[in-house]
Each structure stands twice: as structure tokens, then as C-alpha cells.
């Protein structure tokens, strides 16, 4: 079955989705019996993803926990998503193509992903028994939102000058580290203030 790039998704069974996704050149997420093509990510989105992925991976070396990028699906019942970054600490709960038990999921927000990341995915992710933290990172501005199971999924926001502790993996990162090399108004102003030019 051919999967079309359709904003409303293409109706198919779970089995059809898994069969076609394995051969598809374009990644698709699967919700409520429909497959949705994923748009390509821009510079800031990729910078943030790489920063978080690298810090998580380095921190978790030598532990049972594994960090995955957006090529690993998360299975939520009969739905499937591709988080930007996820960590799983239970190898037996994963297959070669999807993870069943992430402890932390990170999504980087952009114009094309915001609505689904903050609604459809949010509801599904917070119902995953294994999940401890869901992290939403803005790309156009500097703002990190963290939902924690330990806080009954109440969210907290973090900004430049602050630091985020990811309790599920015992790691603290400054907001500046998360946004390293990112090119947006907040970061550019932050850099100007931190390293003023001789003329100023």
C-alpha cells in the first residue's frame, strides 16, 4: 500500500503500517489507524536534538539505559511515534524497530510539530506506565517545559540562566547547554550580553 503525504493521514491497519514503514523512505507516525508523514527538521531543531542526544548518551555510558534518536519508534498500544530523543532502561521491552518502555521522551517543537506534540502525543505519552518525564523544547525561542510523573504531570518551565534536572536519568543540564549553537533571537541576545563586542 502506498502512503501518501496527507495532512489528514492515510487510513491503514497496524499491520499495514508496520509493513510499509519498514520500506518507506519517509518516516510516518501512526495514530488511531492513520499514518502521518513527518516533515524534515530545520537547523535549530537538529542542533537541540543533537545537544540533548549527545549529553544523554555520554551520561549514560556504562549503564543499562540506552539513548535513541528519532529513528526509533515508541509503541503506545496500537499507535507509533518517533520522538526526537528517548531513553529506555529495559532492553527486553524493546524490539529492533520500536521501544515499549521509555523513561524519558524529548520532543523539539516547531511550527509543523507543535500541535501534535502538545496534544495528541502529550496525552498518549503521559499514559505510558514506564514514562517518568516528558520534555518539550522550543526551537524558535528559549524555553524548556518538563512534565514529571513525580509531580503528577504538572509542568515546569526553564529559561536561560537556569538548569534542568532530568530526574529519571540523574542528569542536570544548563539551558545554555541545551541550546548550544542554536540560532534564534533569545540565544543571539544572550551571546551578545555574555560576550559584548569592544565597541559596546
N, C-alpha and C. Protein backbone atom coordinates (compact mmCIF):
# COMPACT_ATOMS: atom_id res chain seq x y z
N UNK A 1 0.85 -1.20 0.00
CA UNK A 1 0.00 0.00 0.00
C UNK A 1 0.88 1.24 0.00
N UNK A 2 0.61 2.18 -0.88
CA UNK A 2 1.38 3.43 -0.93
C UNK A 2 0.88 4.37 0.15
N UNK A 3 1.82 5.02 0.85
CA UNK A 3 1.45 6.00 1.87
C UNK A 3 1.61 7.39 1.28
N UNK A 4 0.55 8.15 1.25
CA UNK A 4 0.60 9.49 0.69
C UNK A 4 0.89 10.51 1.79
N UNK A 5 1.50 11.61 1.38
CA UNK A 5 1.78 12.71 2.30
C UNK A 5 0.51 13.54 2.43
N UNK A 6 -0.33 13.18 3.38
CA UNK A 6 -1.65 13.78 3.53
C UNK A 6 -1.79 14.32 4.93
N UNK A 7 -2.21 15.59 5.07
CA UNK A 7 -2.36 16.20 6.37
C UNK A 7 -3.36 15.45 7.24
N UNK A 8 -4.34 14.81 6.61
CA UNK A 8 -5.34 14.05 7.35
C UNK A 8 -4.91 12.61 7.56
N UNK A 9 -3.75 12.24 7.07
CA UNK A 9 -3.26 10.88 7.24
C UNK A 9 -3.91 9.90 6.28
N UNK A 10 -3.32 8.73 6.20
CA UNK A 10 -3.83 7.67 5.34
C UNK A 10 -4.31 6.52 6.22
N UNK A 11 -5.53 6.09 5.98
CA UNK A 11 -6.13 5.03 6.78
C UNK A 11 -5.49 3.68 6.42
N UNK A 12 -5.06 2.95 7.44
CA UNK A 12 -4.50 1.61 7.23
C UNK A 12 -4.49 0.86 8.56
N UNK A 13 -4.32 -0.45 8.49
CA UNK A 13 -4.25 -1.24 9.71
C UNK A 13 -2.86 -1.11 10.33
N UNK A 14 -2.74 -1.52 11.57
CA UNK A 14 -1.44 -1.51 12.24
C UNK A 14 -0.45 -2.39 11.49
N UNK A 15 -0.89 -3.54 11.04
CA UNK A 15 0.00 -4.45 10.31
C UNK A 15 0.47 -3.82 9.00
N UNK A 16 -0.44 -3.17 8.29
CA UNK A 16 -0.06 -2.49 7.05
C UNK A 16 0.94 -1.38 7.32
N UNK A 17 0.72 -0.64 8.39
CA UNK A 17 1.65 0.44 8.74
C UNK A 17 3.04 -0.11 9.00
N UNK A 18 3.15 -1.14 9.82
CA UNK A 18 4.46 -1.69 10.16
C UNK A 18 5.16 -2.27 8.93
N UNK A 19 4.39 -2.91 8.05
CA UNK A 19 4.97 -3.48 6.83
C UNK A 19 5.50 -2.39 5.89
N UNK A 20 4.68 -1.35 5.66
CA UNK A 20 5.09 -0.30 4.72
C UNK A 20 6.14 0.62 5.32
N UNK A 21 6.10 0.85 6.62
CA UNK A 21 7.05 1.77 7.25
C UNK A 21 8.48 1.24 7.16
N UNK A 22 8.62 -0.08 7.21
CA UNK A 22 9.95 -0.67 7.16
C UNK A 22 10.65 -0.38 5.83
N UNK A 23 9.86 -0.15 4.78
CA UNK A 23 10.44 0.08 3.45
C UNK A 23 10.33 1.54 3.00
N UNK A 24 9.65 2.37 3.78
CA UNK A 24 9.37 3.75 3.36
C UNK A 24 10.60 4.64 3.51
N UNK A 25 10.82 5.51 2.52
CA UNK A 25 11.91 6.48 2.61
C UNK A 25 11.54 7.65 3.50
N UNK A 26 10.25 7.90 3.69
CA UNK A 26 9.76 8.97 4.56
C UNK A 26 9.16 8.33 5.81
N UNK A 27 9.55 8.86 6.99
CA UNK A 27 9.01 8.32 8.23
C UNK A 27 7.58 8.79 8.44
N UNK A 28 6.77 7.91 9.04
CA UNK A 28 5.38 8.22 9.34
C UNK A 28 5.07 7.84 10.78
N UNK A 29 4.29 8.68 11.44
CA UNK A 29 3.76 8.32 12.75
C UNK A 29 2.34 7.79 12.55
N UNK A 30 1.90 6.99 13.51
CA UNK A 30 0.63 6.26 13.33
C UNK A 30 -0.26 6.49 14.54
N UNK A 31 -1.42 7.12 14.28
CA UNK A 31 -2.38 7.40 15.34
C UNK A 31 -3.78 6.99 14.89
N UNK A 32 -4.47 6.24 15.75
CA UNK A 32 -5.88 5.93 15.51
C UNK A 32 -6.14 5.39 14.11
N UNK A 33 -5.27 4.52 13.64
CA UNK A 33 -5.48 3.88 12.35
C UNK A 33 -5.09 4.70 11.15
N UNK A 34 -4.33 5.81 11.36
CA UNK A 34 -3.90 6.64 10.24
C UNK A 34 -2.40 6.92 10.33
N UNK A 35 -1.74 6.90 9.18
CA UNK A 35 -0.31 7.19 9.10
C UNK A 35 -0.11 8.62 8.63
N UNK A 36 0.77 9.36 9.32
CA UNK A 36 1.03 10.76 9.01
C UNK A 36 2.50 10.95 8.67
N UNK A 37 2.77 11.51 7.50
CA UNK A 37 4.15 11.75 7.08
C UNK A 37 4.78 12.81 7.96
N UNK A 38 6.05 12.63 8.28
CA UNK A 38 6.79 13.57 9.11
C UNK A 38 7.57 14.53 8.23
N UNK A 39 7.53 15.80 8.58
CA UNK A 39 8.28 16.82 7.83
C UNK A 39 9.74 16.81 8.25
N UNK A 40 10.61 17.30 7.39
CA UNK A 40 12.03 17.40 7.71
C UNK A 40 12.27 18.45 8.79
N UNK A 41 13.35 18.29 9.54
CA UNK A 41 13.66 19.22 10.63
C UNK A 41 14.66 20.26 10.18
N UNK A 42 14.55 21.48 10.74
CA UNK A 42 15.44 22.58 10.40
C UNK A 42 16.69 22.61 11.27
N UNK A 43 17.49 23.66 11.06
CA UNK A 43 18.79 23.79 11.73
C UNK A 43 18.67 23.78 13.26
N UNK A 44 17.81 24.66 13.80
CA UNK A 44 17.70 24.75 15.26
C UNK A 44 17.18 23.45 15.87
N UNK A 45 16.21 22.86 15.21
CA UNK A 45 15.64 21.60 15.67
C UNK A 45 16.74 20.53 15.75
N UNK A 46 17.56 20.45 14.71
CA UNK A 46 18.63 19.46 14.69
C UNK A 46 19.71 19.74 15.72
N UNK A 47 20.04 21.02 15.92
CA UNK A 47 21.04 21.39 16.94
C UNK A 47 20.60 20.95 18.33
N UNK A 48 19.37 21.29 18.67
CA UNK A 48 18.86 20.95 20.01
C UNK A 48 18.81 19.43 20.19
N UNK A 49 18.30 18.73 19.19
CA UNK A 49 18.23 17.27 19.27
C UNK A 49 19.62 16.67 19.47
N UNK A 50 20.59 17.15 18.69
CA UNK A 50 21.96 16.63 18.80
C UNK A 50 22.56 16.94 20.17
N UNK A 51 22.32 18.15 20.69
CA UNK A 51 22.84 18.51 22.01
C UNK A 51 22.31 17.59 23.09
N UNK A 52 20.99 17.40 23.11
CA UNK A 52 20.37 16.56 24.15
C UNK A 52 20.79 15.11 23.99
N UNK A 53 20.76 14.62 22.76
CA UNK A 53 21.15 13.24 22.49
C UNK A 53 22.58 12.97 22.95
N UNK A 54 23.49 13.89 22.61
CA UNK A 54 24.89 13.71 22.97
C UNK A 54 25.11 13.73 24.48
N UNK A 55 24.46 14.67 25.17
CA UNK A 55 24.63 14.76 26.63
C UNK A 55 24.03 13.54 27.32
N UNK A 56 22.86 13.10 26.87
CA UNK A 56 22.24 11.91 27.46
C UNK A 56 23.13 10.69 27.23
N UNK A 57 23.59 10.53 26.00
CA UNK A 57 24.38 9.33 25.66
C UNK A 57 25.67 9.28 26.47
N UNK A 58 26.37 10.41 26.57
CA UNK A 58 27.62 10.44 27.35
C UNK A 58 27.37 10.12 28.81
N UNK A 59 26.31 10.69 29.35
CA UNK A 59 25.99 10.50 30.76
C UNK A 59 25.64 9.04 31.07
N UNK A 60 25.02 8.36 30.13
CA UNK A 60 24.51 7.01 30.38
C UNK A 60 25.47 5.90 29.97
N UNK A 61 26.67 6.26 29.55
CA UNK A 61 27.66 5.23 29.21
C UNK A 61 27.90 4.33 30.42
N UNK A 62 27.94 3.02 30.16
CA UNK A 62 28.21 2.07 31.22
C UNK A 62 27.01 1.72 32.08
N UNK A 63 25.83 2.23 31.71
CA UNK A 63 24.60 1.91 32.45
C UNK A 63 23.70 1.04 31.55
N UNK A 64 22.64 0.46 32.12
CA UNK A 64 21.72 -0.33 31.30
C UNK A 64 20.85 0.54 30.39
N UNK A 65 20.89 1.84 30.58
CA UNK A 65 20.00 2.73 29.83
C UNK A 65 20.61 3.11 28.47
N UNK A 66 19.76 3.15 27.46
CA UNK A 66 20.20 3.44 26.09
C UNK A 66 19.45 4.67 25.58
N UNK A 67 20.18 5.55 24.89
CA UNK A 67 19.59 6.75 24.29
C UNK A 67 19.37 6.51 22.81
N UNK A 68 18.17 6.87 22.33
CA UNK A 68 17.84 6.71 20.91
C UNK A 68 17.46 8.05 20.31
N UNK A 69 17.73 8.18 19.02
CA UNK A 69 17.31 9.37 18.28
C UNK A 69 15.98 9.09 17.59
N UNK A 70 15.61 9.96 16.67
CA UNK A 70 14.28 9.90 16.05
C UNK A 70 14.10 8.76 15.06
N UNK A 71 15.06 7.85 14.96
CA UNK A 71 14.86 6.67 14.11
C UNK A 71 14.21 5.52 14.86
N UNK A 72 14.08 5.63 16.17
CA UNK A 72 13.45 4.58 16.97
C UNK A 72 12.02 4.98 17.33
N UNK A 73 11.09 4.13 16.98
CA UNK A 73 9.68 4.40 17.29
C UNK A 73 9.39 4.05 18.75
N UNK A 74 8.37 4.69 19.29
CA UNK A 74 7.78 4.30 20.57
C UNK A 74 6.40 3.71 20.27
N UNK A 75 6.15 2.56 20.83
CA UNK A 75 4.85 1.93 20.66
C UNK A 75 3.97 2.26 21.87
N UNK A 76 2.78 2.80 21.58
CA UNK A 76 1.82 3.15 22.63
C UNK A 76 0.51 2.46 22.27
N UNK A 77 0.31 1.27 22.78
CA UNK A 77 -0.86 0.49 22.37
C UNK A 77 -0.72 0.12 20.91
N UNK A 78 -1.63 0.65 20.07
CA UNK A 78 -1.55 0.41 18.63
C UNK A 78 -1.07 1.65 17.88
N UNK A 79 -0.56 2.64 18.61
CA UNK A 79 -0.03 3.86 17.99
C UNK A 79 1.50 3.82 18.03
N UNK A 80 2.11 4.58 17.08
CA UNK A 80 3.57 4.62 17.00
C UNK A 80 4.03 6.04 16.73
N UNK A 81 5.05 6.48 17.47
CA UNK A 81 5.61 7.81 17.28
C UNK A 81 7.13 7.71 17.13
N UNK A 82 7.72 8.78 16.62
CA UNK A 82 9.18 8.90 16.52
C UNK A 82 9.62 10.08 17.37
N UNK A 83 9.86 9.92 18.66
CA UNK A 83 10.34 11.05 19.46
C UNK A 83 11.71 11.52 18.98
N UNK A 84 12.02 12.80 19.22
CA UNK A 84 13.33 13.30 18.84
C UNK A 84 14.43 12.62 19.63
N UNK A 85 14.20 12.42 20.93
CA UNK A 85 15.15 11.71 21.79
C UNK A 85 14.35 10.90 22.80
N UNK A 86 14.81 9.68 23.08
CA UNK A 86 14.19 8.90 24.15
C UNK A 86 15.26 8.08 24.84
N UNK A 87 14.98 7.70 26.07
CA UNK A 87 15.86 6.82 26.83
C UNK A 87 15.05 5.63 27.32
N UNK A 88 15.60 4.44 27.09
CA UNK A 88 14.99 3.21 27.59
C UNK A 88 16.01 2.49 28.47
N UNK A 89 15.55 1.99 29.61
CA UNK A 89 16.45 1.28 30.53
C UNK A 89 16.09 -0.20 30.63
N UNK A 90 15.24 -0.67 29.74
CA UNK A 90 14.80 -2.07 29.75
C UNK A 90 14.92 -2.64 28.35
N UNK A 91 16.04 -3.30 28.08
CA UNK A 91 16.27 -3.83 26.74
C UNK A 91 15.24 -4.86 26.34
N UNK A 92 14.72 -5.60 27.30
CA UNK A 92 13.75 -6.65 27.00
C UNK A 92 12.42 -6.07 26.53
N UNK A 93 12.20 -4.79 26.79
CA UNK A 93 10.92 -4.16 26.41
C UNK A 93 11.00 -3.46 25.07
N UNK A 94 12.09 -3.70 24.32
CA UNK A 94 12.26 -3.06 23.02
C UNK A 94 12.49 -4.12 21.94
N UNK A 95 12.12 -3.75 20.72
CA UNK A 95 12.44 -4.60 19.58
C UNK A 95 13.48 -3.85 18.75
N UNK A 96 13.80 -4.38 17.57
CA UNK A 96 14.73 -3.68 16.70
C UNK A 96 14.14 -2.39 16.14
N UNK A 97 12.82 -2.26 16.18
CA UNK A 97 12.16 -1.15 15.49
C UNK A 97 11.34 -0.23 16.40
N UNK A 98 11.04 -0.67 17.59
CA UNK A 98 10.28 0.22 18.49
C UNK A 98 10.57 -0.11 19.94
N UNK A 99 10.31 0.90 20.79
CA UNK A 99 10.51 0.80 22.23
C UNK A 99 9.15 0.83 22.92
N UNK A 100 8.99 -0.04 23.91
CA UNK A 100 7.73 -0.09 24.66
C UNK A 100 7.78 0.65 25.99
N UNK A 101 8.98 0.90 26.49
CA UNK A 101 9.06 1.40 27.87
C UNK A 101 10.09 2.52 28.05
N UNK A 102 9.92 3.65 27.38
CA UNK A 102 10.84 4.78 27.61
C UNK A 102 10.66 5.37 28.99
N UNK A 103 11.76 5.85 29.59
CA UNK A 103 11.65 6.53 30.88
C UNK A 103 11.60 8.04 30.69
N UNK A 104 12.17 8.52 29.58
CA UNK A 104 12.12 9.95 29.27
C UNK A 104 11.97 10.11 27.76
N UNK A 105 11.13 11.04 27.36
CA UNK A 105 10.92 11.37 25.96
C UNK A 105 11.11 12.87 25.79
N UNK A 106 11.85 13.24 24.74
CA UNK A 106 12.09 14.65 24.43
C UNK A 106 11.56 14.95 23.03
N UNK A 107 10.75 15.99 22.91
CA UNK A 107 10.29 16.47 21.62
C UNK A 107 10.72 17.93 21.47
N UNK A 108 11.30 18.25 20.31
CA UNK A 108 11.68 19.63 19.99
C UNK A 108 10.56 20.24 19.17
N UNK A 109 10.02 21.34 19.62
CA UNK A 109 8.85 21.94 18.99
C UNK A 109 9.22 22.81 17.80
N UNK A 110 8.39 22.72 16.77
CA UNK A 110 8.49 23.60 15.61
C UNK A 110 7.07 23.87 15.12
N UNK A 111 6.94 24.72 14.14
CA UNK A 111 5.60 25.07 13.64
C UNK A 111 4.84 23.83 13.17
N UNK A 112 5.54 22.89 12.55
CA UNK A 112 4.86 21.73 11.99
C UNK A 112 4.59 20.63 13.01
N UNK A 113 5.28 20.66 14.16
CA UNK A 113 5.10 19.58 15.14
C UNK A 113 4.37 20.01 16.40
N UNK A 114 4.27 21.33 16.63
CA UNK A 114 3.77 21.82 17.92
C UNK A 114 2.41 21.25 18.31
N UNK A 115 1.44 21.32 17.41
CA UNK A 115 0.09 20.91 17.77
C UNK A 115 0.05 19.45 18.22
N UNK A 116 0.68 18.58 17.45
CA UNK A 116 0.63 17.15 17.80
C UNK A 116 1.46 16.85 19.05
N UNK A 117 2.63 17.49 19.19
CA UNK A 117 3.49 17.23 20.34
C UNK A 117 2.83 17.67 21.65
N UNK A 118 2.01 18.72 21.59
CA UNK A 118 1.41 19.27 22.82
C UNK A 118 -0.01 18.78 23.07
N UNK A 119 -0.56 17.98 22.18
CA UNK A 119 -1.92 17.47 22.37
C UNK A 119 -1.96 15.95 22.22
N UNK A 120 -2.00 15.48 20.99
CA UNK A 120 -2.14 14.05 20.72
C UNK A 120 -1.03 13.24 21.40
N UNK A 121 0.21 13.65 21.20
CA UNK A 121 1.32 12.90 21.79
C UNK A 121 1.36 13.05 23.30
N UNK A 122 1.11 14.25 23.78
CA UNK A 122 1.13 14.51 25.22
C UNK A 122 0.22 13.54 25.95
N UNK A 123 -1.02 13.42 25.51
CA UNK A 123 -1.98 12.54 26.16
C UNK A 123 -1.51 11.10 26.14
N UNK A 124 -1.01 10.66 25.01
CA UNK A 124 -0.56 9.27 24.90
C UNK A 124 0.69 9.01 25.72
N UNK A 125 1.66 9.90 25.64
CA UNK A 125 2.89 9.70 26.38
C UNK A 125 2.66 9.63 27.89
N UNK A 126 1.84 10.51 28.41
CA UNK A 126 1.64 10.55 29.86
C UNK A 126 0.92 9.33 30.38
N UNK A 127 0.35 8.54 29.49
CA UNK A 127 -0.30 7.29 29.89
C UNK A 127 0.61 6.08 29.79
N UNK A 128 1.86 6.29 29.36
CA UNK A 128 2.82 5.19 29.32
C UNK A 128 3.27 4.86 30.75
N UNK A 129 3.08 3.63 31.21
CA UNK A 129 3.43 3.28 32.59
C UNK A 129 4.90 3.53 32.93
N UNK A 130 5.79 3.35 31.96
CA UNK A 130 7.23 3.48 32.24
C UNK A 130 7.71 4.93 32.27
N UNK A 131 6.97 5.84 31.63
CA UNK A 131 7.48 7.20 31.43
C UNK A 131 7.55 7.97 32.74
N UNK A 132 8.70 8.62 32.97
CA UNK A 132 8.91 9.45 34.15
C UNK A 132 8.91 10.94 33.83
N UNK A 133 9.38 11.29 32.60
CA UNK A 133 9.47 12.70 32.23
C UNK A 133 9.18 12.87 30.74
N UNK A 134 8.42 13.92 30.44
CA UNK A 134 8.18 14.31 29.05
C UNK A 134 8.68 15.74 28.90
N UNK A 135 9.59 15.96 27.94
CA UNK A 135 10.26 17.25 27.80
C UNK A 135 9.91 17.87 26.45
N UNK A 136 9.47 19.12 26.48
CA UNK A 136 9.17 19.88 25.27
C UNK A 136 10.14 21.05 25.19
N UNK A 137 10.89 21.14 24.09
CA UNK A 137 11.89 22.19 23.94
C UNK A 137 11.55 23.05 22.74
N UNK A 138 11.38 24.34 22.98
CA UNK A 138 11.10 25.28 21.89
C UNK A 138 12.36 25.45 21.04
N UNK A 139 12.17 25.66 19.73
CA UNK A 139 13.31 25.92 18.86
C UNK A 139 13.40 27.38 18.43
N UNK A 140 12.26 28.08 18.33
CA UNK A 140 12.26 29.46 17.88
C UNK A 140 12.58 30.46 18.98
N UNK A 141 12.35 30.06 20.24
CA UNK A 141 12.70 30.85 21.42
C UNK A 141 13.39 29.91 22.40
N UNK A 142 13.84 30.45 23.54
CA UNK A 142 14.46 29.60 24.56
C UNK A 142 13.45 29.34 25.66
N UNK A 143 12.96 28.12 25.74
CA UNK A 143 12.03 27.70 26.78
C UNK A 143 11.96 26.18 26.79
N UNK A 144 12.13 25.60 27.96
CA UNK A 144 12.08 24.15 28.13
C UNK A 144 10.95 23.84 29.12
N UNK A 145 10.03 22.99 28.71
CA UNK A 145 8.90 22.60 29.55
C UNK A 145 9.06 21.12 29.91
N UNK A 146 8.99 20.81 31.20
CA UNK A 146 9.16 19.42 31.64
C UNK A 146 7.94 18.98 32.44
N UNK A 147 7.35 17.87 32.01
CA UNK A 147 6.27 17.21 32.75
C UNK A 147 6.89 16.04 33.50
N UNK A 148 6.66 15.95 34.80
CA UNK A 148 7.23 14.87 35.61
C UNK A 148 6.13 14.06 36.29
N UNK A 149 6.27 12.77 36.19
CA UNK A 149 5.30 11.87 36.85
C UNK A 149 5.31 12.09 38.36
N UNK A 150 6.50 12.36 38.91
CA UNK A 150 6.64 12.57 40.36
C UNK A 150 5.89 13.81 40.83
N UNK A 151 5.56 14.71 39.90
CA UNK A 151 4.81 15.92 40.23
C UNK A 151 3.38 15.85 39.70
N UNK A 152 2.88 14.61 39.52
CA UNK A 152 1.54 14.41 38.98
C UNK A 152 1.37 15.07 37.62
N UNK A 153 2.45 15.09 36.85
CA UNK A 153 2.48 15.61 35.48
C UNK A 153 2.23 17.12 35.41
N UNK A 154 2.42 17.83 36.53
CA UNK A 154 2.42 19.29 36.46
C UNK A 154 3.70 19.72 35.76
N UNK A 155 3.61 20.69 34.87
CA UNK A 155 4.80 21.08 34.10
C UNK A 155 5.55 22.22 34.77
N UNK A 156 6.85 22.26 34.50
CA UNK A 156 7.71 23.35 34.94
C UNK A 156 8.46 23.89 33.74
N UNK A 157 8.73 25.21 33.76
CA UNK A 157 9.44 25.86 32.65
C UNK A 157 10.83 26.29 33.10
N UNK A 158 11.77 26.24 32.15
CA UNK A 158 13.15 26.62 32.40
C UNK A 158 13.63 27.53 31.28
N UNK A 159 14.44 28.54 31.67
CA UNK A 159 14.89 29.55 30.72
C UNK A 159 16.39 29.78 30.88
N UNK A 160 16.95 30.64 30.04
CA UNK A 160 18.38 30.95 30.10
C UNK A 160 18.77 31.43 31.50
N UNK A 161 19.90 30.93 31.98
CA UNK A 161 20.35 31.22 33.34
C UNK A 161 19.97 30.12 34.30
N UNK A 162 19.06 29.26 33.88
CA UNK A 162 18.62 28.16 34.71
C UNK A 162 19.20 26.83 34.26
N UNK A 163 18.84 25.78 34.98
CA UNK A 163 19.29 24.43 34.65
C UNK A 163 18.13 23.47 34.83
N UNK A 164 18.15 22.41 34.04
CA UNK A 164 17.09 21.41 34.08
C UNK A 164 17.66 20.11 34.63
N UNK A 165 17.03 19.56 35.65
CA UNK A 165 17.43 18.25 36.17
C UNK A 165 16.47 17.20 35.63
N UNK A 166 17.03 16.23 34.92
CA UNK A 166 16.25 15.11 34.41
C UNK A 166 16.37 13.99 35.44
N UNK A 167 15.39 13.95 36.34
CA UNK A 167 15.46 13.05 37.48
C UNK A 167 15.52 11.59 37.07
N UNK A 168 14.87 11.25 35.97
CA UNK A 168 14.78 9.84 35.56
C UNK A 168 16.14 9.25 35.20
N UNK A 169 17.10 10.10 34.82
CA UNK A 169 18.43 9.59 34.47
C UNK A 169 19.53 10.26 35.30
N UNK A 170 19.15 11.08 36.27
CA UNK A 170 20.13 11.68 37.17
C UNK A 170 21.10 12.62 36.50
N UNK A 171 20.59 13.48 35.60
CA UNK A 171 21.45 14.41 34.85
C UNK A 171 20.89 15.81 34.93
N UNK A 172 21.78 16.79 35.16
CA UNK A 172 21.40 18.20 35.13
C UNK A 172 22.14 18.89 34.00
N UNK A 173 21.39 19.61 33.16
CA UNK A 173 21.98 20.38 32.06
C UNK A 173 21.53 21.83 32.20
N UNK A 174 22.45 22.75 31.93
CA UNK A 174 22.04 24.15 31.87
C UNK A 174 21.21 24.36 30.62
N UNK A 175 20.33 25.33 30.64
CA UNK A 175 19.55 25.66 29.45
C UNK A 175 20.50 26.11 28.34
N UNK A 176 21.59 26.78 28.71
CA UNK A 176 22.57 27.20 27.71
C UNK A 176 23.17 26.00 26.98
N UNK A 177 23.44 24.92 27.70
CA UNK A 177 23.99 23.71 27.07
C UNK A 177 22.98 23.10 26.09
N UNK A 178 21.72 23.09 26.47
CA UNK A 178 20.68 22.53 25.61
C UNK A 178 20.58 23.30 24.30
N UNK A 179 20.82 24.62 24.38
CA UNK A 179 20.68 25.49 23.20
C UNK A 179 22.02 25.85 22.57
N UNK A 180 23.07 25.11 22.86
CA UNK A 180 24.37 25.38 22.26
C UNK A 180 24.28 25.40 20.73
N UNK A 181 24.83 26.46 20.12
CA UNK A 181 24.89 26.64 18.66
C UNK A 181 23.53 26.96 18.02
N UNK A 182 22.50 27.09 18.81
CA UNK A 182 21.18 27.41 18.25
C UNK A 182 21.15 28.88 17.84
N UNK A 183 20.50 29.14 16.72
CA UNK A 183 20.43 30.48 16.15
C UNK A 183 18.99 31.00 16.24
N UNK A 184 18.66 31.62 17.37
CA UNK A 184 17.38 32.31 17.47
C UNK A 184 17.57 33.62 18.24
N UNK A 185 16.55 34.43 18.30
CA UNK A 185 16.69 35.76 18.91
C UNK A 185 17.15 35.71 20.35
N UNK A 186 16.60 34.81 21.15
CA UNK A 186 16.96 34.71 22.57
C UNK A 186 18.43 34.35 22.74
N UNK A 187 18.88 33.35 21.99
CA UNK A 187 20.28 32.92 22.12
C UNK A 187 21.25 33.96 21.58
N UNK A 188 20.89 34.61 20.49
CA UNK A 188 21.77 35.64 19.93
C UNK A 188 21.94 36.81 20.89
N UNK A 189 20.85 37.21 21.53
CA UNK A 189 20.92 38.29 22.53
C UNK A 189 21.71 37.85 23.74
N UNK A 190 21.52 36.62 24.17
CA UNK A 190 22.26 36.07 25.31
C UNK A 190 23.75 36.08 25.03
N UNK A 191 24.15 35.69 23.83
CA UNK A 191 25.57 35.67 23.47
C UNK A 191 26.15 37.08 23.42
N UNK A 192 25.36 38.04 22.90
CA UNK A 192 25.84 39.43 22.84
C UNK A 192 26.09 39.98 24.24
N UNK A 193 25.21 39.66 25.16
CA UNK A 193 25.37 40.16 26.54
C UNK A 193 26.53 39.46 27.25
N UNK A 194 26.73 38.20 26.93
CA UNK A 194 27.77 37.42 27.59
C UNK A 194 29.15 37.80 27.06
N UNK A 195 29.23 38.07 25.77
CA UNK A 195 30.49 38.45 25.12
C UNK A 195 30.31 39.72 24.31
N UNK A 196 30.20 40.86 24.99
CA UNK A 196 29.98 42.12 24.27
C UNK A 196 31.16 42.47 23.37
N UNK A 197 30.85 43.07 22.23
CA UNK A 197 31.91 43.48 21.31
C UNK A 197 32.66 44.67 21.88
N UNK A 198 33.90 44.90 21.48
CA UNK A 198 34.71 46.01 22.02
C UNK A 198 34.04 47.37 21.83
N UNK A 199 33.20 47.52 20.79
CA UNK A 199 32.57 48.80 20.52
C UNK A 199 31.48 49.14 21.52
N UNK A 200 30.96 48.10 22.23
CA UNK A 200 29.82 48.34 23.11
C UNK A 200 30.25 48.90 24.46
